[in-house]
Amino acid sequence: MSWPLLVVLHAVPTLYLCGLIWFVQVVHYPLFAAVGEREFVAYERVHCRRITPIVLPPMVAELGLALWLWFAAPPAVAPWAGAGLGLLAIVWGSTFLVQVPCHERLGLTADAVAMRRLVLSNWVRTAAWTLRGGLAVGFLLPGAVAA
């Protein structure tokens, strides 16, 4: 696969997830507090069932493409591709070590502490995906593609 095509394919899930995480952070997660306590557990379970197919396949695609990008990167770009992988490690670590346990807790009870932890800790993923989005756009610039 050509470097320019790989760069474009890599950018697609990264930029999709960057936009999605900002929506989740600014709109969706804060609205959890507006769901009534009696309805919350059912709401959370539906949320998890519906969000997983929207988030997990692009995350897996992004990981695979980020690895491929790093292996195929020209020497001048490889450190930046490696930085992108480091940011992905932060995203995946935060997702499975912090956000998933919060969602599991919220699937059992409307726990205000877990809800607050979810919203606050999600800023880590928001920042990491935003930086990844910047890298993806940077890779798309003519000088990086020709590197």
C-alpha atoms as a PDB file:
ATOM      1  CA  MET A   1       0.000   0.000   0.000  1.00  0.00           C
ATOM      2  CA  SER A   2       1.275   3.457  -0.819  1.00  0.00           C
ATOM      3  CA  TRP A   3       2.201   5.818   2.006  1.00  0.00           C
ATOM      4  CA  PRO A   4      -0.352   8.488   0.933  1.00  0.00           C
ATOM      5  CA  LEU A   5      -3.189   5.945   0.924  1.00  0.00           C
ATOM      6  CA  LEU A   6      -2.135   4.548   4.309  1.00  0.00           C
ATOM      7  CA  VAL A   7      -2.062   8.052   5.764  1.00  0.00           C
ATOM      8  CA  VAL A   8      -5.606   8.740   4.531  1.00  0.00           C
ATOM      9  CA  LEU A   9      -6.917   5.385   5.775  1.00  0.00           C
ATOM     10  CA  HIS A  10      -5.287   6.001   9.163  1.00  0.00           C
ATOM     11  CA  ALA A  11      -6.882   9.449   9.415  1.00  0.00           C
ATOM     12  CA  VAL A  12     -10.439   8.183   8.885  1.00  0.00           C
ATOM     13  CA  PRO A  13     -11.005   6.286  12.172  1.00  0.00           C
ATOM     14  CA  THR A  14      -8.770   8.662  14.107  1.00  0.00           C
ATOM     15  CA  LEU A  15     -10.701  11.772  13.088  1.00  0.00           C
ATOM     16  CA  TYR A  16     -14.032   9.972  13.481  1.00  0.00           C
ATOM     17  CA  LEU A  17     -13.111   8.972  17.044  1.00  0.00           C
ATOM     18  CA  CYS A  18     -11.735  12.422  17.804  1.00  0.00           C
ATOM     19  CA  GLY A  19     -15.075  13.976  16.883  1.00  0.00           C
ATOM     20  CA  LEU A  20     -17.028  11.286  18.684  1.00  0.00           C
ATOM     21  CA  ILE A  21     -15.082  11.652  21.936  1.00  0.00           C
ATOM     22  CA  TRP A  22     -15.739  15.407  21.997  1.00  0.00           C
ATOM     23  CA  PHE A  23     -19.466  14.766  21.538  1.00  0.00           C
ATOM     24  CA  VAL A  24     -19.423  12.171  24.314  1.00  0.00           C
ATOM     25  CA  GLN A  25     -17.392  14.416  26.632  1.00  0.00           C
ATOM     26  CA  VAL A  26     -19.285  17.664  26.135  1.00  0.00           C
ATOM     27  CA  VAL A  27     -22.836  16.450  25.445  1.00  0.00           C
ATOM     28  CA  HIS A  28     -23.454  12.811  26.220  1.00  0.00           C
ATOM     29  CA  TYR A  29     -21.692  12.033  29.513  1.00  0.00           C
ATOM     30  CA  PRO A  30     -22.812  15.244  31.255  1.00  0.00           C
ATOM     31  CA  LEU A  31     -26.420  14.356  30.382  1.00  0.00           C
ATOM     32  CA  PHE A  32     -26.135  11.160  32.446  1.00  0.00           C
ATOM     33  CA  ALA A  33     -26.814  13.343  35.491  1.00  0.00           C
ATOM     34  CA  ALA A  34     -30.175  14.360  33.982  1.00  0.00           C
ATOM     35  CA  VAL A  35     -31.450  10.774  33.827  1.00  0.00           C
ATOM     36  CA  GLY A  36     -33.612   9.918  36.807  1.00  0.00           C
ATOM     37  CA  GLU A  37     -32.114   7.574  39.388  1.00  0.00           C
ATOM     38  CA  ARG A  38     -34.846   4.946  38.882  1.00  0.00           C
ATOM     39  CA  GLU A  39     -34.347   4.925  35.116  1.00  0.00           C
ATOM     40  CA  PHE A  40     -30.582   5.244  35.094  1.00  0.00           C
ATOM     41  CA  VAL A  41     -29.509   1.578  35.218  1.00  0.00           C
ATOM     42  CA  ALA A  42     -31.751   0.684  32.264  1.00  0.00           C
ATOM     43  CA  TYR A  43     -30.536   3.778  30.410  1.00  0.00           C
ATOM     44  CA  GLU A  44     -26.880   2.902  31.052  1.00  0.00           C
ATOM     45  CA  ARG A  45     -27.337  -0.663  29.839  1.00  0.00           C
ATOM     46  CA  VAL A  46     -28.926   0.537  26.604  1.00  0.00           C
ATOM     47  CA  HIS A  47     -26.155   3.129  26.255  1.00  0.00           C
ATOM     48  CA  CYS A  48     -23.456   0.444  26.532  1.00  0.00           C
ATOM     49  CA  ARG A  49     -25.216  -1.889  24.123  1.00  0.00           C
ATOM     50  CA  ARG A  50     -25.625   0.863  21.526  1.00  0.00           C
ATOM     51  CA  ILE A  51     -22.276   2.649  21.892  1.00  0.00           C
ATOM     52  CA  THR A  52     -20.074  -0.458  21.650  1.00  0.00           C
ATOM     53  CA  PRO A  53     -20.628  -1.148  17.931  1.00  0.00           C
ATOM     54  CA  ILE A  54     -20.161   2.563  17.211  1.00  0.00           C
ATOM     55  CA  VAL A  55     -16.854   2.792  19.096  1.00  0.00           C
ATOM     56  CA  LEU A  56     -15.130  -0.592  19.187  1.00  0.00           C
ATOM     57  CA  PRO A  57     -14.749  -1.383  15.438  1.00  0.00           C
ATOM     58  CA  PRO A  58     -13.226   2.049  14.663  1.00  0.00           C
ATOM     59  CA  MET A  59     -10.940   1.710  17.699  1.00  0.00           C
ATOM     60  CA  VAL A  60      -9.680  -1.651  16.438  1.00  0.00           C
ATOM     61  CA  ALA A  61      -9.269  -0.258  12.905  1.00  0.00           C
ATOM     62  CA  GLU A  62      -7.426   2.763  14.267  1.00  0.00           C
ATOM     63  CA  LEU A  63      -5.067   0.551  16.264  1.00  0.00           C
ATOM     64  CA  GLY A  64      -4.285  -1.669  13.286  1.00  0.00           C
ATOM     65  CA  LEU A  65      -3.744   1.278  10.968  1.00  0.00           C
ATOM     66  CA  ALA A  66      -1.621   3.126  13.544  1.00  0.00           C
ATOM     67  CA  LEU A  67       0.626   0.071  13.883  1.00  0.00           C
ATOM     68  CA  TRP A  68       0.868  -0.274  10.110  1.00  0.00           C
ATOM     69  CA  LEU A  69       1.614   3.450   9.789  1.00  0.00           C
ATOM     70  CA  TRP A  70       4.415   3.164  12.331  1.00  0.00           C
ATOM     71  CA  PHE A  71       5.993   0.160  10.584  1.00  0.00           C
ATOM     72  CA  ALA A  72       5.703   1.778   7.129  1.00  0.00           C
ATOM     73  CA  ALA A  73       6.665   5.301   8.153  1.00  0.00           C
ATOM     74  CA  PRO A  74       9.658   6.998   6.564  1.00  0.00           C
ATOM     75  CA  PRO A  75      12.430   7.654   9.118  1.00  0.00           C
ATOM     76  CA  ALA A  76      11.524  11.344   9.488  1.00  0.00           C
ATOM     77  CA  VAL A  77       7.903  10.455  10.330  1.00  0.00           C
ATOM     78  CA  ALA A  78       8.442   7.312  12.422  1.00  0.00           C
ATOM     79  CA  PRO A  79       8.896   9.143  15.765  1.00  0.00           C
ATOM     80  CA  TRP A  80       5.581  10.952  15.204  1.00  0.00           C
ATOM     81  CA  ALA A  81       3.870   7.679  14.319  1.00  0.00           C
ATOM     82  CA  GLY A  82       5.375   6.216  17.507  1.00  0.00           C
ATOM     83  CA  ALA A  83       3.979   9.146  19.489  1.00  0.00           C
ATOM     84  CA  GLY A  84       0.592   8.377  17.970  1.00  0.00           C
ATOM     85  CA  LEU A  85       0.885   4.801  19.211  1.00  0.00           C
ATOM     86  CA  GLY A  86       1.787   6.095  22.670  1.00  0.00           C
ATOM     87  CA  LEU A  87      -1.380   8.196  22.640  1.00  0.00           C
ATOM     88  CA  LEU A  88      -3.354   5.131  21.604  1.00  0.00           C
ATOM     89  CA  ALA A  89      -1.896   3.236  24.556  1.00  0.00           C
ATOM     90  CA  ILE A  90      -3.254   6.010  26.777  1.00  0.00           C
ATOM     91  CA  VAL A  91      -6.678   5.818  25.097  1.00  0.00           C
ATOM     92  CA  TRP A  92      -6.909   2.026  25.369  1.00  0.00           C
ATOM     93  CA  GLY A  93      -5.530   1.963  28.902  1.00  0.00           C
ATOM     94  CA  SER A  94      -7.952   4.622  30.077  1.00  0.00           C
ATOM     95  CA  THR A  95     -10.842   2.940  28.284  1.00  0.00           C
ATOM     96  CA  PHE A  96     -10.344  -0.509  29.766  1.00  0.00           C
ATOM     97  CA  LEU A  97      -8.875   0.424  33.151  1.00  0.00           C
ATOM     98  CA  VAL A  98     -11.117   3.395  33.996  1.00  0.00           C
ATOM     99  CA  GLN A  99     -14.104   3.991  31.709  1.00  0.00           C
ATOM    100  CA  VAL A 100     -15.225   0.350  31.311  1.00  0.00           C
ATOM    101  CA  PRO A 101     -15.207  -0.259  35.101  1.00  0.00           C
ATOM    102  CA  CYS A 102     -17.195   2.962  35.588  1.00  0.00           C
ATOM    103  CA  HIS A 103     -19.754   1.802  33.031  1.00  0.00           C
ATOM    104  CA  GLU A 104     -19.918  -1.623  34.682  1.00  0.00           C
ATOM    105  CA  ARG A 105     -20.632   0.053  38.027  1.00  0.00           C
ATOM    106  CA  LEU A 106     -23.226   2.349  36.460  1.00  0.00           C
ATOM    107  CA  GLY A 107     -24.890  -0.687  34.871  1.00  0.00           C
ATOM    108  CA  LEU A 108     -25.676  -1.842  38.410  1.00  0.00           C
ATOM    109  CA  THR A 109     -26.547   1.405  40.180  1.00  0.00           C
ATOM    110  CA  ALA A 110     -26.831   5.138  39.565  1.00  0.00           C
ATOM    111  CA  ASP A 111     -23.600   5.865  41.427  1.00  0.00           C
ATOM    112  CA  ALA A 112     -22.850   9.611  41.444  1.00  0.00           C
ATOM    113  CA  VAL A 113     -19.178   9.006  42.265  1.00  0.00           C
ATOM    114  CA  ALA A 114     -18.743   6.624  39.304  1.00  0.00           C
ATOM    115  CA  MET A 115     -20.593   9.074  37.066  1.00  0.00           C
ATOM    116  CA  ARG A 116     -18.299  11.933  38.105  1.00  0.00           C
ATOM    117  CA  ARG A 117     -15.211   9.747  37.709  1.00  0.00           C
ATOM    118  CA  LEU A 118     -16.377   8.742  34.234  1.00  0.00           C
ATOM    119  CA  VAL A 119     -16.830  12.343  33.091  1.00  0.00           C
ATOM    120  CA  LEU A 120     -13.602  13.640  34.647  1.00  0.00           C
ATOM    121  CA  SER A 121     -11.388  10.717  33.619  1.00  0.00           C
ATOM    122  CA  ASN A 122     -12.730  10.845  30.080  1.00  0.00           C
ATOM    123  CA  TRP A 123     -10.794  14.078  29.608  1.00  0.00           C
ATOM    124  CA  VAL A 124      -7.696  11.860  29.330  1.00  0.00           C
ATOM    125  CA  ARG A 125      -9.145  10.101  26.289  1.00  0.00           C
ATOM    126  CA  THR A 126     -10.456  13.382  24.883  1.00  0.00           C
ATOM    127  CA  ALA A 127      -6.997  14.949  25.085  1.00  0.00           C
ATOM    128  CA  ALA A 128      -5.229  11.879  23.675  1.00  0.00           C
ATOM    129  CA  TRP A 129      -7.620  11.545  20.728  1.00  0.00           C
ATOM    130  CA  THR A 130      -7.409  15.277  20.056  1.00  0.00           C
ATOM    131  CA  LEU A 131      -3.621  15.036  19.869  1.00  0.00           C
ATOM    132  CA  ARG A 132      -3.951  11.952  17.638  1.00  0.00           C
ATOM    133  CA  GLY A 133      -6.301  13.917  15.401  1.00  0.00           C
ATOM    134  CA  GLY A 134      -3.665  16.630  15.126  1.00  0.00           C
ATOM    135  CA  LEU A 135      -1.053  14.041  14.197  1.00  0.00           C
ATOM    136  CA  ALA A 136      -3.373  12.470  11.613  1.00  0.00           C
ATOM    137  CA  VAL A 137      -3.952  15.869  10.008  1.00  0.00           C
ATOM    138  CA  GLY A 138      -0.214  16.547  10.140  1.00  0.00           C
ATOM    139  CA  PHE A 139       0.477  13.286   8.312  1.00  0.00           C
ATOM    140  CA  LEU A 140      -1.967  14.427   5.615  1.00  0.00           C
ATOM    141  CA  LEU A 141       0.030  17.597   4.891  1.00  0.00           C
ATOM    142  CA  PRO A 142       1.947  17.430   1.605  1.00  0.00           C
ATOM    143  CA  GLY A 143       5.399  17.493   3.228  1.00  0.00           C
ATOM    144  CA  ALA A 144       4.598  14.544   5.496  1.00  0.00           C
ATOM    145  CA  VAL A 145       3.116  12.446   2.706  1.00  0.00           C
ATOM    146  CA  ALA A 146       6.210  12.997   0.593  1.00  0.00           C
ATOM    147  CA  ALA A 147       8.516  12.208   3.543  1.00  0.00           C
END
